[in-house]
Amino acid sequence: RMTDFWQLEFHYDRGDLSFDELFTADE
């Protein structure tokens, strides 16, 4: 979990913002 930023990959690499809320919850 410390090293996995899959939500950011979706956000920046794929332009998919649907997981942005998960990033803050997981953080």
mmCIF file of all heavy atoms, coordinates in Angstrom:
data_MODEL
# 
_entry.id   MODEL 
# 
loop_
_atom_site.group_PDB 
_atom_site.id 
_atom_site.type_symbol 
_atom_site.label_atom_id 
_atom_site.label_alt_id 
_atom_site.label_comp_id 
_atom_site.label_asym_id 
_atom_site.label_entity_id 
_atom_site.label_seq_id 
_atom_site.pdbx_PDB_ins_code 
_atom_site.Cartn_x 
_atom_site.Cartn_y 
_atom_site.Cartn_z 
_atom_site.occupancy 
_atom_site.B_iso_or_equiv 
_atom_site.pdbx_formal_charge 
_atom_site.auth_seq_id 
_atom_site.auth_comp_id 
_atom_site.auth_asym_id 
_atom_site.auth_atom_id 
_atom_site.pdbx_PDB_model_num 
ATOM 1   N N   . ARG A 1 1  ? 0.831   -1.204 0.000   1.00 0.00 ? 1  ARG A N   1 
ATOM 2   C CA  . ARG A 1 1  ? 0.000   0.000  0.000   1.00 0.00 ? 1  ARG A CA  1 
ATOM 3   C C   . ARG A 1 1  ? 0.869   1.259  0.000   1.00 0.00 ? 1  ARG A C   1 
ATOM 4   O O   . ARG A 1 1  ? 0.510   2.274  -0.585  1.00 0.00 ? 1  ARG A O   1 
ATOM 5   C CB  . ARG A 1 1  ? -0.958  0.030  1.198   1.00 0.00 ? 1  ARG A CB  1 
ATOM 6   C CG  . ARG A 1 1  ? -1.977  -1.091 1.212   1.00 0.00 ? 1  ARG A CG  1 
ATOM 7   C CD  . ARG A 1 1  ? -2.882  -1.024 0.005   1.00 0.00 ? 1  ARG A CD  1 
ATOM 8   N NE  . ARG A 1 1  ? -3.918  -2.031 0.063   1.00 0.00 ? 1  ARG A NE  1 
ATOM 9   C CZ  . ARG A 1 1  ? -3.950  -3.106 -0.720  1.00 0.00 ? 1  ARG A CZ  1 
ATOM 10  N NH1 . ARG A 1 1  ? -3.007  -3.313 -1.612  1.00 0.00 ? 1  ARG A NH1 1 
ATOM 11  N NH2 . ARG A 1 1  ? -4.928  -3.971 -0.606  1.00 0.00 ? 1  ARG A NH2 1 
ATOM 12  N N   . MET A 1 2  ? 2.029   1.197  0.663   1.00 0.00 ? 2  MET A N   1 
ATOM 13  C CA  . MET A 1 2  ? 2.944   2.339  0.694   1.00 0.00 ? 2  MET A CA  1 
ATOM 14  C C   . MET A 1 2  ? 3.534   2.629  -0.687  1.00 0.00 ? 2  MET A C   1 
ATOM 15  O O   . MET A 1 2  ? 3.863   3.777  -0.984  1.00 0.00 ? 2  MET A O   1 
ATOM 16  C CB  . MET A 1 2  ? 4.107   2.066  1.665   1.00 0.00 ? 2  MET A CB  1 
ATOM 17  C CG  . MET A 1 2  ? 3.728   2.083  3.124   1.00 0.00 ? 2  MET A CG  1 
ATOM 18  S SD  . MET A 1 2  ? 3.449   3.735  3.746   1.00 0.00 ? 2  MET A SD  1 
ATOM 19  C CE  . MET A 1 2  ? 5.110   4.355  3.845   1.00 0.00 ? 2  MET A CE  1 
ATOM 20  N N   . THR A 1 3  ? 3.669   1.612  -1.507  1.00 0.00 ? 3  THR A N   1 
ATOM 21  C CA  . THR A 1 3  ? 4.366   1.780  -2.782  1.00 0.00 ? 3  THR A CA  1 
ATOM 22  C C   . THR A 1 3  ? 3.457   1.661  -4.003  1.00 0.00 ? 3  THR A C   1 
ATOM 23  O O   . THR A 1 3  ? 3.945   1.723  -5.133  1.00 0.00 ? 3  THR A O   1 
ATOM 24  C CB  . THR A 1 3  ? 5.493   0.739  -2.901  1.00 0.00 ? 3  THR A CB  1 
ATOM 25  O OG1 . THR A 1 3  ? 4.934   -0.576 -2.827  1.00 0.00 ? 3  THR A OG1 1 
ATOM 26  C CG2 . THR A 1 3  ? 6.525   0.921  -1.806  1.00 0.00 ? 3  THR A CG2 1 
ATOM 27  N N   . ASP A 1 4  ? 2.167   1.511  -3.792  1.00 0.00 ? 4  ASP A N   1 
ATOM 28  C CA  . ASP A 1 4  ? 1.238   1.324  -4.907  1.00 0.00 ? 4  ASP A CA  1 
ATOM 29  C C   . ASP A 1 4  ? 0.395   2.578  -5.097  1.00 0.00 ? 4  ASP A C   1 
ATOM 30  O O   . ASP A 1 4  ? -0.365  2.961  -4.211  1.00 0.00 ? 4  ASP A O   1 
ATOM 31  C CB  . ASP A 1 4  ? 0.331   0.128  -4.634  1.00 0.00 ? 4  ASP A CB  1 
ATOM 32  C CG  . ASP A 1 4  ? -0.603  -0.168 -5.789  1.00 0.00 ? 4  ASP A CG  1 
ATOM 33  O OD1 . ASP A 1 4  ? -0.356  0.332  -6.904  1.00 0.00 ? 4  ASP A OD1 1 
ATOM 34  O OD2 . ASP A 1 4  ? -1.577  -0.906 -5.577  1.00 0.00 ? 4  ASP A OD2 1 
ATOM 35  N N   . PHE A 1 5  ? 0.562   3.198  -6.229  1.00 0.00 ? 5  PHE A N   1 
ATOM 36  C CA  . PHE A 1 5  ? -0.175  4.420  -6.531  1.00 0.00 ? 5  PHE A CA  1 
ATOM 37  C C   . PHE A 1 5  ? -1.047  4.223  -7.765  1.00 0.00 ? 5  PHE A C   1 
ATOM 38  O O   . PHE A 1 5  ? -1.101  5.059  -8.655  1.00 0.00 ? 5  PHE A O   1 
ATOM 39  C CB  . PHE A 1 5  ? 0.801   5.584  -6.738  1.00 0.00 ? 5  PHE A CB  1 
ATOM 40  C CG  . PHE A 1 5  ? 1.665   5.823  -5.543  1.00 0.00 ? 5  PHE A CG  1 
ATOM 41  C CD1 . PHE A 1 5  ? 2.991   5.422  -5.545  1.00 0.00 ? 5  PHE A CD1 1 
ATOM 42  C CD2 . PHE A 1 5  ? 1.143   6.428  -4.419  1.00 0.00 ? 5  PHE A CD2 1 
ATOM 43  C CE1 . PHE A 1 5  ? 3.780   5.640  -4.421  1.00 0.00 ? 5  PHE A CE1 1 
ATOM 44  C CE2 . PHE A 1 5  ? 1.931   6.654  -3.302  1.00 0.00 ? 5  PHE A CE2 1 
ATOM 45  C CZ  . PHE A 1 5  ? 3.254   6.258  -3.302  1.00 0.00 ? 5  PHE A CZ  1 
ATOM 46  N N   . TRP A 1 6  ? -1.758  3.104  -7.807  1.00 0.00 ? 6  TRP A N   1 
ATOM 47  C CA  . TRP A 1 6  ? -2.528  2.784  -9.002  1.00 0.00 ? 6  TRP A CA  1 
ATOM 48  C C   . TRP A 1 6  ? -3.565  3.856  -9.328  1.00 0.00 ? 6  TRP A C   1 
ATOM 49  O O   . TRP A 1 6  ? -3.835  4.121  -10.490 1.00 0.00 ? 6  TRP A O   1 
ATOM 50  C CB  . TRP A 1 6  ? -3.168  1.403  -8.896  1.00 0.00 ? 6  TRP A CB  1 
ATOM 51  C CG  . TRP A 1 6  ? -4.256  1.295  -7.867  1.00 0.00 ? 6  TRP A CG  1 
ATOM 52  C CD1 . TRP A 1 6  ? -4.126  0.941  -6.553  1.00 0.00 ? 6  TRP A CD1 1 
ATOM 53  C CD2 . TRP A 1 6  ? -5.646  1.538  -8.078  1.00 0.00 ? 6  TRP A CD2 1 
ATOM 54  N NE1 . TRP A 1 6  ? -5.343  0.958  -5.931  1.00 0.00 ? 6  TRP A NE1 1 
ATOM 55  C CE2 . TRP A 1 6  ? -6.308  1.322  -6.839  1.00 0.00 ? 6  TRP A CE2 1 
ATOM 56  C CE3 . TRP A 1 6  ? -6.414  1.922  -9.174  1.00 0.00 ? 6  TRP A CE3 1 
ATOM 57  C CZ2 . TRP A 1 6  ? -7.680  1.478  -6.680  1.00 0.00 ? 6  TRP A CZ2 1 
ATOM 58  C CZ3 . TRP A 1 6  ? -7.787  2.074  -9.016  1.00 0.00 ? 6  TRP A CZ3 1 
ATOM 59  C CH2 . TRP A 1 6  ? -8.402  1.849  -7.782  1.00 0.00 ? 6  TRP A CH2 1 
ATOM 60  N N   . GLN A 1 7  ? -4.128  4.493  -8.288  1.00 0.00 ? 7  GLN A N   1 
ATOM 61  C CA  . GLN A 1 7  ? -5.125  5.532  -8.557  1.00 0.00 ? 7  GLN A CA  1 
ATOM 62  C C   . GLN A 1 7  ? -4.505  6.703  -9.307  1.00 0.00 ? 7  GLN A C   1 
ATOM 63  O O   . GLN A 1 7  ? -5.142  7.298  -10.171 1.00 0.00 ? 7  GLN A O   1 
ATOM 64  C CB  . GLN A 1 7  ? -5.763  6.034  -7.254  1.00 0.00 ? 7  GLN A CB  1 
ATOM 65  C CG  . GLN A 1 7  ? -6.487  4.986  -6.460  1.00 0.00 ? 7  GLN A CG  1 
ATOM 66  C CD  . GLN A 1 7  ? -5.660  4.449  -5.309  1.00 0.00 ? 7  GLN A CD  1 
ATOM 67  O OE1 . GLN A 1 7  ? -4.435  4.466  -5.337  1.00 0.00 ? 7  GLN A OE1 1 
ATOM 68  N NE2 . GLN A 1 7  ? -6.319  3.955  -4.283  1.00 0.00 ? 7  GLN A NE2 1 
ATOM 69  N N   . LEU A 1 8  ? -3.260  7.042  -8.955  1.00 0.00 ? 8  LEU A N   1 
ATOM 70  C CA  . LEU A 1 8  ? -2.578  8.132  -9.654  1.00 0.00 ? 8  LEU A CA  1 
ATOM 71  C C   . LEU A 1 8  ? -2.241  7.743  -11.089 1.00 0.00 ? 8  LEU A C   1 
ATOM 72  O O   . LEU A 1 8  ? -2.286  8.587  -11.984 1.00 0.00 ? 8  LEU A O   1 
ATOM 73  C CB  . LEU A 1 8  ? -1.316  8.538  -8.900  1.00 0.00 ? 8  LEU A CB  1 
ATOM 74  C CG  . LEU A 1 8  ? -1.538  9.133  -7.509  1.00 0.00 ? 8  LEU A CG  1 
ATOM 75  C CD1 . LEU A 1 8  ? -0.206  9.446  -6.853  1.00 0.00 ? 8  LEU A CD1 1 
ATOM 76  C CD2 . LEU A 1 8  ? -2.432  10.347 -7.562  1.00 0.00 ? 8  LEU A CD2 1 
ATOM 77  N N   . GLU A 1 9  ? -1.909  6.480  -11.304 1.00 0.00 ? 9  GLU A N   1 
ATOM 78  C CA  . GLU A 1 9  ? -1.667  6.021  -12.670 1.00 0.00 ? 9  GLU A CA  1 
ATOM 79  C C   . GLU A 1 9  ? -2.934  6.155  -13.511 1.00 0.00 ? 9  GLU A C   1 
ATOM 80  O O   . GLU A 1 9  ? -2.880  6.598  -14.658 1.00 0.00 ? 9  GLU A O   1 
ATOM 81  C CB  . GLU A 1 9  ? -1.172  4.580  -12.660 1.00 0.00 ? 9  GLU A CB  1 
ATOM 82  C CG  . GLU A 1 9  ? 0.235   4.435  -12.102 1.00 0.00 ? 9  GLU A CG  1 
ATOM 83  C CD  . GLU A 1 9  ? 0.677   2.993  -11.967 1.00 0.00 ? 9  GLU A CD  1 
ATOM 84  O OE1 . GLU A 1 9  ? 0.035   2.091  -12.553 1.00 0.00 ? 9  GLU A OE1 1 
ATOM 85  O OE2 . GLU A 1 9  ? 1.677   2.753  -11.269 1.00 0.00 ? 9  GLU A OE2 1 
ATOM 86  N N   . PHE A 1 10 ? -4.078  5.771  -12.933 1.00 0.00 ? 10 PHE A N   1 
ATOM 87  C CA  . PHE A 1 10 ? -5.335  5.931  -13.663 1.00 0.00 ? 10 PHE A CA  1 
ATOM 88  C C   . PHE A 1 10 ? -5.602  7.408  -13.933 1.00 0.00 ? 10 PHE A C   1 
ATOM 89  O O   . PHE A 1 10 ? -6.021  7.779  -15.034 1.00 0.00 ? 10 PHE A O   1 
ATOM 90  C CB  . PHE A 1 10 ? -6.506  5.324  -12.869 1.00 0.00 ? 10 PHE A CB  1 
ATOM 91  C CG  . PHE A 1 10 ? -6.728  3.870  -13.166 1.00 0.00 ? 10 PHE A CG  1 
ATOM 92  C CD1 . PHE A 1 10 ? -5.828  2.914  -12.733 1.00 0.00 ? 10 PHE A CD1 1 
ATOM 93  C CD2 . PHE A 1 10 ? -7.840  3.463  -13.867 1.00 0.00 ? 10 PHE A CD2 1 
ATOM 94  C CE1 . PHE A 1 10 ? -6.034  1.572  -13.000 1.00 0.00 ? 10 PHE A CE1 1 
ATOM 95  C CE2 . PHE A 1 10 ? -8.058  2.113  -14.145 1.00 0.00 ? 10 PHE A CE2 1 
ATOM 96  C CZ  . PHE A 1 10 ? -7.146  1.171  -13.705 1.00 0.00 ? 10 PHE A CZ  1 
ATOM 97  N N   . HIS A 1 11 ? -5.369  8.250  -12.931 1.00 0.00 ? 11 HIS A N   1 
ATOM 98  C CA  . HIS A 1 11 ? -5.648  9.676  -13.052 1.00 0.00 ? 11 HIS A CA  1 
ATOM 99  C C   . HIS A 1 11 ? -4.769  10.325 -14.131 1.00 0.00 ? 11 HIS A C   1 
ATOM 100 O O   . HIS A 1 11 ? -5.280  11.005 -15.029 1.00 0.00 ? 11 HIS A O   1 
ATOM 101 C CB  . HIS A 1 11 ? -5.433  10.372 -11.702 1.00 0.00 ? 11 HIS A CB  1 
ATOM 102 C CG  . HIS A 1 11 ? -5.676  11.840 -11.731 1.00 0.00 ? 11 HIS A CG  1 
ATOM 103 N ND1 . HIS A 1 11 ? -6.878  12.394 -11.368 1.00 0.00 ? 11 HIS A ND1 1 
ATOM 104 C CD2 . HIS A 1 11 ? -4.878  12.867 -12.080 1.00 0.00 ? 11 HIS A CD2 1 
ATOM 105 C CE1 . HIS A 1 11 ? -6.810  13.705 -11.502 1.00 0.00 ? 11 HIS A CE1 1 
ATOM 106 N NE2 . HIS A 1 11 ? -5.596  14.021 -11.925 1.00 0.00 ? 11 HIS A NE2 1 
ATOM 107 N N   . TYR A 1 12 ? -3.465  10.131 -14.016 1.00 0.00 ? 12 TYR A N   1 
ATOM 108 C CA  . TYR A 1 12 ? -2.536  10.848 -14.886 1.00 0.00 ? 12 TYR A CA  1 
ATOM 109 C C   . TYR A 1 12 ? -2.237  10.124 -16.200 1.00 0.00 ? 12 TYR A C   1 
ATOM 110 O O   . TYR A 1 12 ? -2.135  10.760 -17.246 1.00 0.00 ? 12 TYR A O   1 
ATOM 111 C CB  . TYR A 1 12 ? -1.236  11.146 -14.151 1.00 0.00 ? 12 TYR A CB  1 
ATOM 112 C CG  . TYR A 1 12 ? -1.440  12.153 -13.050 1.00 0.00 ? 12 TYR A CG  1 
ATOM 113 C CD1 . TYR A 1 12 ? -1.406  11.778 -11.713 1.00 0.00 ? 12 TYR A CD1 1 
ATOM 114 C CD2 . TYR A 1 12 ? -1.705  13.481 -13.357 1.00 0.00 ? 12 TYR A CD2 1 
ATOM 115 C CE1 . TYR A 1 12 ? -1.614  12.711 -10.707 1.00 0.00 ? 12 TYR A CE1 1 
ATOM 116 C CE2 . TYR A 1 12 ? -1.923  14.418 -12.354 1.00 0.00 ? 12 TYR A CE2 1 
ATOM 117 C CZ  . TYR A 1 12 ? -1.875  14.020 -11.034 1.00 0.00 ? 12 TYR A CZ  1 
ATOM 118 O OH  . TYR A 1 12 ? -2.097  14.940 -10.051 1.00 0.00 ? 12 TYR A OH  1 
ATOM 119 N N   . ASP A 1 13 ? -2.068  8.804  -16.153 1.00 0.00 ? 13 ASP A N   1 
ATOM 120 C CA  . ASP A 1 13 ? -1.687  8.087  -17.370 1.00 0.00 ? 13 ASP A CA  1 
ATOM 121 C C   . ASP A 1 13 ? -2.881  7.790  -18.270 1.00 0.00 ? 13 ASP A C   1 
ATOM 122 O O   . ASP A 1 13 ? -2.751  7.770  -19.493 1.00 0.00 ? 13 ASP A O   1 
ATOM 123 C CB  . ASP A 1 13 ? -0.990  6.770  -17.023 1.00 0.00 ? 13 ASP A CB  1 
ATOM 124 C CG  . ASP A 1 13 ? 0.351   6.979  -16.348 1.00 0.00 ? 13 ASP A CG  1 
ATOM 125 O OD1 . ASP A 1 13 ? 0.879   8.109  -16.392 1.00 0.00 ? 13 ASP A OD1 1 
ATOM 126 O OD2 . ASP A 1 13 ? 0.878   6.005  -15.767 1.00 0.00 ? 13 ASP A OD2 1 
ATOM 127 N N   . ARG A 1 14 ? -4.041  7.570  -17.655 1.00 0.00 ? 14 ARG A N   1 
ATOM 128 C CA  . ARG A 1 14 ? -5.211  7.184  -18.445 1.00 0.00 ? 14 ARG A CA  1 
ATOM 129 C C   . ARG A 1 14 ? -6.269  8.283  -18.525 1.00 0.00 ? 14 ARG A C   1 
ATOM 130 O O   . ARG A 1 14 ? -7.246  8.124  -19.243 1.00 0.00 ? 14 ARG A O   1 
ATOM 131 C CB  . ARG A 1 14 ? -5.843  5.934  -17.842 1.00 0.00 ? 14 ARG A CB  1 
ATOM 132 C CG  . ARG A 1 14 ? -4.910  4.744  -17.815 1.00 0.00 ? 14 ARG A CG  1 
ATOM 133 C CD  . ARG A 1 14 ? -5.567  3.541  -17.222 1.00 0.00 ? 14 ARG A CD  1 
ATOM 134 N NE  . ARG A 1 14 ? -4.623  2.454  -17.071 1.00 0.00 ? 14 ARG A NE  1 
ATOM 135 C CZ  . ARG A 1 14 ? -4.949  1.245  -16.685 1.00 0.00 ? 14 ARG A CZ  1 
ATOM 136 N NH1 . ARG A 1 14 ? -6.206  0.951  -16.414 1.00 0.00 ? 14 ARG A NH1 1 
ATOM 137 N NH2 . ARG A 1 14 ? -4.030  0.319  -16.572 1.00 0.00 ? 14 ARG A NH2 1 
ATOM 138 N N   . GLY A 1 15 ? -6.101  9.331  -17.732 1.00 0.00 ? 15 GLY A N   1 
ATOM 139 C CA  . GLY A 1 15 ? -7.098  10.393 -17.726 1.00 0.00 ? 15 GLY A CA  1 
ATOM 140 C C   . GLY A 1 15 ? -8.414  9.954  -17.113 1.00 0.00 ? 15 GLY A C   1 
ATOM 141 O O   . GLY A 1 15 ? -9.461  10.561 -17.340 1.00 0.00 ? 15 GLY A O   1 
ATOM 142 N N   . ASP A 1 16 ? -8.381  8.904  -16.304 1.00 0.00 ? 16 ASP A N   1 
ATOM 143 C CA  . ASP A 1 16 ? -9.581  8.359  -15.658 1.00 0.00 ? 16 ASP A CA  1 
ATOM 144 C C   . ASP A 1 16 ? -9.647  8.899  -14.234 1.00 0.00 ? 16 ASP A C   1 
ATOM 145 O O   . ASP A 1 16 ? -8.846  8.523  -13.380 1.00 0.00 ? 16 ASP A O   1 
ATOM 146 C CB  . ASP A 1 16 ? -9.505  6.834  -15.660 1.00 0.00 ? 16 ASP A CB  1 
ATOM 147 C CG  . ASP A 1 16 ? -10.738 6.154  -15.084 1.00 0.00 ? 16 ASP A CG  1 
ATOM 148 O OD1 . ASP A 1 16 ? -11.573 6.835  -14.440 1.00 0.00 ? 16 ASP A OD1 1 
ATOM 149 O OD2 . ASP A 1 16 ? -10.863 4.932  -15.272 1.00 0.00 ? 16 ASP A OD2 1 
ATOM 150 N N   . LEU A 1 17 ? -10.573 9.785  -13.976 1.00 0.00 ? 17 LEU A N   1 
ATOM 151 C CA  . LEU A 1 17 ? -10.681 10.433 -12.671 1.00 0.00 ? 17 LEU A CA  1 
ATOM 152 C C   . LEU A 1 17 ? -11.639 9.710  -11.726 1.00 0.00 ? 17 LEU A C   1 
ATOM 153 O O   . LEU A 1 17 ? -11.865 10.156 -10.601 1.00 0.00 ? 17 LEU A O   1 
ATOM 154 C CB  . LEU A 1 17 ? -11.151 11.878 -12.848 1.00 0.00 ? 17 LEU A CB  1 
ATOM 155 C CG  . LEU A 1 17 ? -10.393 12.717 -13.890 1.00 0.00 ? 17 LEU A CG  1 
ATOM 156 C CD1 . LEU A 1 17 ? -10.938 14.134 -13.927 1.00 0.00 ? 17 LEU A CD1 1 
ATOM 157 C CD2 . LEU A 1 17 ? -8.908  12.705 -13.627 1.00 0.00 ? 17 LEU A CD2 1 
ATOM 158 N N   . SER A 1 18 ? -12.180 8.591  -12.156 1.00 0.00 ? 18 SER A N   1 
ATOM 159 C CA  . SER A 1 18 ? -13.216 7.919  -11.366 1.00 0.00 ? 18 SER A CA  1 
ATOM 160 C C   . SER A 1 18 ? -12.699 7.304  -10.068 1.00 0.00 ? 18 SER A C   1 
ATOM 161 O O   . SER A 1 18 ? -13.502 6.954  -9.202  1.00 0.00 ? 18 SER A O   1 
ATOM 162 C CB  . SER A 1 18 ? -13.915 6.852  -12.212 1.00 0.00 ? 18 SER A CB  1 
ATOM 163 O OG  . SER A 1 18 ? -12.998 5.875  -12.656 1.00 0.00 ? 18 SER A OG  1 
ATOM 164 N N   . PHE A 1 19 ? -11.398 7.180  -9.913  1.00 0.00 ? 19 PHE A N   1 
ATOM 165 C CA  . PHE A 1 19 ? -10.840 6.579  -8.702  1.00 0.00 ? 19 PHE A CA  1 
ATOM 166 C C   . PHE A 1 19 ? -10.182 7.604  -7.780  1.00 0.00 ? 19 PHE A C   1 
ATOM 167 O O   . PHE A 1 19 ? -9.550  7.239  -6.793  1.00 0.00 ? 19 PHE A O   1 
ATOM 168 C CB  . PHE A 1 19 ? -9.822  5.492  -9.065  1.00 0.00 ? 19 PHE A CB  1 
ATOM 169 C CG  . PHE A 1 19 ? -10.424 4.367  -9.846  1.00 0.00 ? 19 PHE A CG  1 
ATOM 170 C CD1 . PHE A 1 19 ? -10.257 4.286  -11.212 1.00 0.00 ? 19 PHE A CD1 1 
ATOM 171 C CD2 . PHE A 1 19 ? -11.187 3.400  -9.208  1.00 0.00 ? 19 PHE A CD2 1 
ATOM 172 C CE1 . PHE A 1 19 ? -10.816 3.249  -11.943 1.00 0.00 ? 19 PHE A CE1 1 
ATOM 173 C CE2 . PHE A 1 19 ? -11.759 2.363  -9.930  1.00 0.00 ? 19 PHE A CE2 1 
ATOM 174 C CZ  . PHE A 1 19 ? -11.577 2.284  -11.293 1.00 0.00 ? 19 PHE A CZ  1 
ATOM 175 N N   . ASP A 1 20 ? -10.324 8.880  -8.078  1.00 0.00 ? 20 ASP A N   1 
ATOM 176 C CA  . ASP A 1 20 ? -9.670  9.922  -7.283  1.00 0.00 ? 20 ASP A CA  1 
ATOM 177 C C   . ASP A 1 20 ? -10.067 9.876  -5.814  1.00 0.00 ? 20 ASP A C   1 
ATOM 178 O O   . ASP A 1 20 ? -9.234  10.074 -4.930  1.00 0.00 ? 20 ASP A O   1 
ATOM 179 C CB  . ASP A 1 20 ? -9.958  11.304 -7.860  1.00 0.00 ? 20 ASP A CB  1 
ATOM 180 C CG  . ASP A 1 20 ? -9.201  11.562 -9.159  1.00 0.00 ? 20 ASP A CG  1 
ATOM 181 O OD1 . ASP A 1 20 ? -8.477  10.657 -9.627  1.00 0.00 ? 20 ASP A OD1 1 
ATOM 182 O OD2 . ASP A 1 20 ? -9.346  12.667 -9.701  1.00 0.00 ? 20 ASP A OD2 1 
ATOM 183 N N   . GLU A 1 21 ? -11.328 9.614  -5.529  1.00 0.00 ? 21 GLU A N   1 
ATOM 184 C CA  . GLU A 1 21 ? -11.771 9.564  -4.128  1.00 0.00 ? 21 GLU A CA  1 
ATOM 185 C C   . GLU A 1 21 ? -11.133 8.406  -3.378  1.00 0.00 ? 21 GLU A C   1 
ATOM 186 O O   . GLU A 1 21 ? -10.905 8.502  -2.170  1.00 0.00 ? 21 GLU A O   1 
ATOM 187 C CB  . GLU A 1 21 ? -13.288 9.481  -4.058  1.00 0.00 ? 21 GLU A CB  1 
ATOM 188 C CG  . GLU A 1 21 ? -13.968 10.766 -4.464  1.00 0.00 ? 21 GLU A CG  1 
ATOM 189 C CD  . GLU A 1 21 ? -15.477 10.701 -4.334  1.00 0.00 ? 21 GLU A CD  1 
ATOM 190 O OE1 . GLU A 1 21 ? -15.976 9.930  -3.489  1.00 0.00 ? 21 GLU A OE1 1 
ATOM 191 O OE2 . GLU A 1 21 ? -16.147 11.425 -5.072  1.00 0.00 ? 21 GLU A OE2 1 
ATOM 192 N N   . LEU A 1 22 ? -10.852 7.318  -4.079  1.00 0.00 ? 22 LEU A N   1 
ATOM 193 C CA  . LEU A 1 22 ? -10.191 6.191  -3.430  1.00 0.00 ? 22 LEU A CA  1 
ATOM 194 C C   . LEU A 1 22 ? -8.784  6.542  -2.987  1.00 0.00 ? 22 LEU A C   1 
ATOM 195 O O   . LEU A 1 22 ? -8.303  6.027  -1.973  1.00 0.00 ? 22 LEU A O   1 
ATOM 196 C CB  . LEU A 1 22 ? -10.145 4.979  -4.360  1.00 0.00 ? 22 LEU A CB  1 
ATOM 197 C CG  . LEU A 1 22 ? -11.461 4.268  -4.619  1.00 0.00 ? 22 LEU A CG  1 
ATOM 198 C CD1 . LEU A 1 22 ? -11.250 3.126  -5.599  1.00 0.00 ? 22 LEU A CD1 1 
ATOM 199 C CD2 . LEU A 1 22 ? -12.069 3.761  -3.332  1.00 0.00 ? 22 LEU A CD2 1 
ATOM 200 N N   . PHE A 1 23 ? -8.122  7.405  -3.741  1.00 0.00 ? 23 PHE A N   1 
ATOM 201 C CA  . PHE A 1 23 ? -6.765  7.791  -3.372  1.00 0.00 ? 23 PHE A CA  1 
ATOM 202 C C   . PHE A 1 23 ? -6.747  8.460  -1.994  1.00 0.00 ? 23 PHE A C   1 
ATOM 203 O O   . PHE A 1 23 ? -5.940  8.105  -1.141  1.00 0.00 ? 23 PHE A O   1 
ATOM 204 C CB  . PHE A 1 23 ? -6.147  8.721  -4.422  1.00 0.00 ? 23 PHE A CB  1 
ATOM 205 C CG  . PHE A 1 23 ? -4.749  9.140  -4.080  1.00 0.00 ? 23 PHE A CG  1 
ATOM 206 C CD1 . PHE A 1 23 ? -3.696  8.264  -4.237  1.00 0.00 ? 23 PHE A CD1 1 
ATOM 207 C CD2 . PHE A 1 23 ? -4.490  10.408 -3.573  1.00 0.00 ? 23 PHE A CD2 1 
ATOM 208 C CE1 . PHE A 1 23 ? -2.403  8.631  -3.908  1.00 0.00 ? 23 PHE A CE1 1 
ATOM 209 C CE2 . PHE A 1 23 ? -3.194  10.785 -3.232  1.00 0.00 ? 23 PHE A CE2 1 
ATOM 210 C CZ  . PHE A 1 23 ? -2.153  9.895  -3.408  1.00 0.00 ? 23 PHE A CZ  1 
ATOM 211 N N   . THR A 1 24 ? -7.643  9.407  -1.778  1.00 0.00 ? 24 THR A N   1 
ATOM 212 C CA  . THR A 1 24 ? -7.658  10.100 -0.481  1.00 0.00 ? 24 THR A CA  1 
ATOM 213 C C   . THR A 1 24 ? -8.105  9.165  0.644   1.00 0.00 ? 24 THR A C   1 
ATOM 214 O O   . THR A 1 24 ? -7.568  9.240  1.751   1.00 0.00 ? 24 THR A O   1 
ATOM 215 C CB  . THR A 1 24 ? -8.541  11.357 -0.527  1.00 0.00 ? 24 THR A CB  1 
ATOM 216 O OG1 . THR A 1 24 ? -9.848  11.008 -0.964  1.00 0.00 ? 24 THR A OG1 1 
ATOM 217 C CG2 . THR A 1 24 ? -7.962  12.404 -1.453  1.00 0.00 ? 24 THR A CG2 1 
ATOM 218 N N   . ALA A 1 25 ? -9.043  8.277  0.364   1.00 0.00 ? 25 ALA A N   1 
ATOM 219 C CA  . ALA A 1 25 ? -9.485  7.316  1.385   1.00 0.00 ? 25 ALA A CA  1 
ATOM 220 C C   . ALA A 1 25 ? -8.361  6.345  1.737   1.00 0.00 ? 25 ALA A C   1 
ATOM 221 O O   . ALA A 1 25 ? -8.107  6.058  2.915   1.00 0.00 ? 25 ALA A O   1 
ATOM 222 C CB  . ALA A 1 25 ? -10.714 6.558  0.900   1.00 0.00 ? 25 ALA A CB  1 
ATOM 223 N N   . ASP A 1 26 ? -7.676  5.821  0.721   1.00 0.00 ? 26 ASP A N   1 
ATOM 224 C CA  . ASP A 1 26 ? -6.568  4.897  0.965   1.00 0.00 ? 26 ASP A CA  1 
ATOM 225 C C   . ASP A 1 26 ? -5.421  5.592  1.679   1.00 0.00 ? 26 ASP A C   1 
ATOM 226 O O   . ASP A 1 26 ? -4.768  5.003  2.546   1.00 0.00 ? 26 ASP A O   1 
ATOM 227 C CB  . ASP A 1 26 ? -6.078  4.287  -0.346  1.00 0.00 ? 26 ASP A CB  1 
ATOM 228 C CG  . ASP A 1 26 ? -7.028  3.251  -0.909  1.00 0.00 ? 26 ASP A CG  1 
ATOM 229 O OD1 . ASP A 1 26 ? -8.013  2.895  -0.240  1.00 0.00 ? 26 ASP A OD1 1 
ATOM 230 O OD2 . ASP A 1 26 ? -6.777  2.795  -2.047  1.00 0.00 ? 26 ASP A OD2 1 
ATOM 231 N N   . GLU A 1 27 ? -5.166  6.840  1.330   1.00 0.00 ? 27 GLU A N   1 
ATOM 232 C CA  . GLU A 1 27 ? -4.090  7.597  1.988   1.00 0.00 ? 27 GLU A CA  1 
ATOM 233 C C   . GLU A 1 27 ? -4.406  7.797  3.461   1.00 0.00 ? 27 GLU A C   1 
ATOM 234 O O   . GLU A 1 27 ? -3.521  7.674  4.311   1.00 0.00 ? 27 GLU A O   1 
ATOM 235 C CB  . GLU A 1 27 ? -3.904  8.949  1.292   1.00 0.00 ? 27 GLU A CB  1 
ATOM 236 C CG  . GLU A 1 27 ? -2.702  9.724  1.775   1.00 0.00 ? 27 GLU A CG  1 
ATOM 237 C CD  . GLU A 1 27 ? -2.958  10.534 3.040   1.00 0.00 ? 27 GLU A CD  1 
ATOM 238 O OE1 . GLU A 1 27 ? -4.109  10.942 3.264   1.00 0.00 ? 27 GLU A OE1 1 
ATOM 239 O OE2 . GLU A 1 27 ? -2.000  10.745 3.810   1.00 0.00 ? 27 GLU A OE2 1 
# 
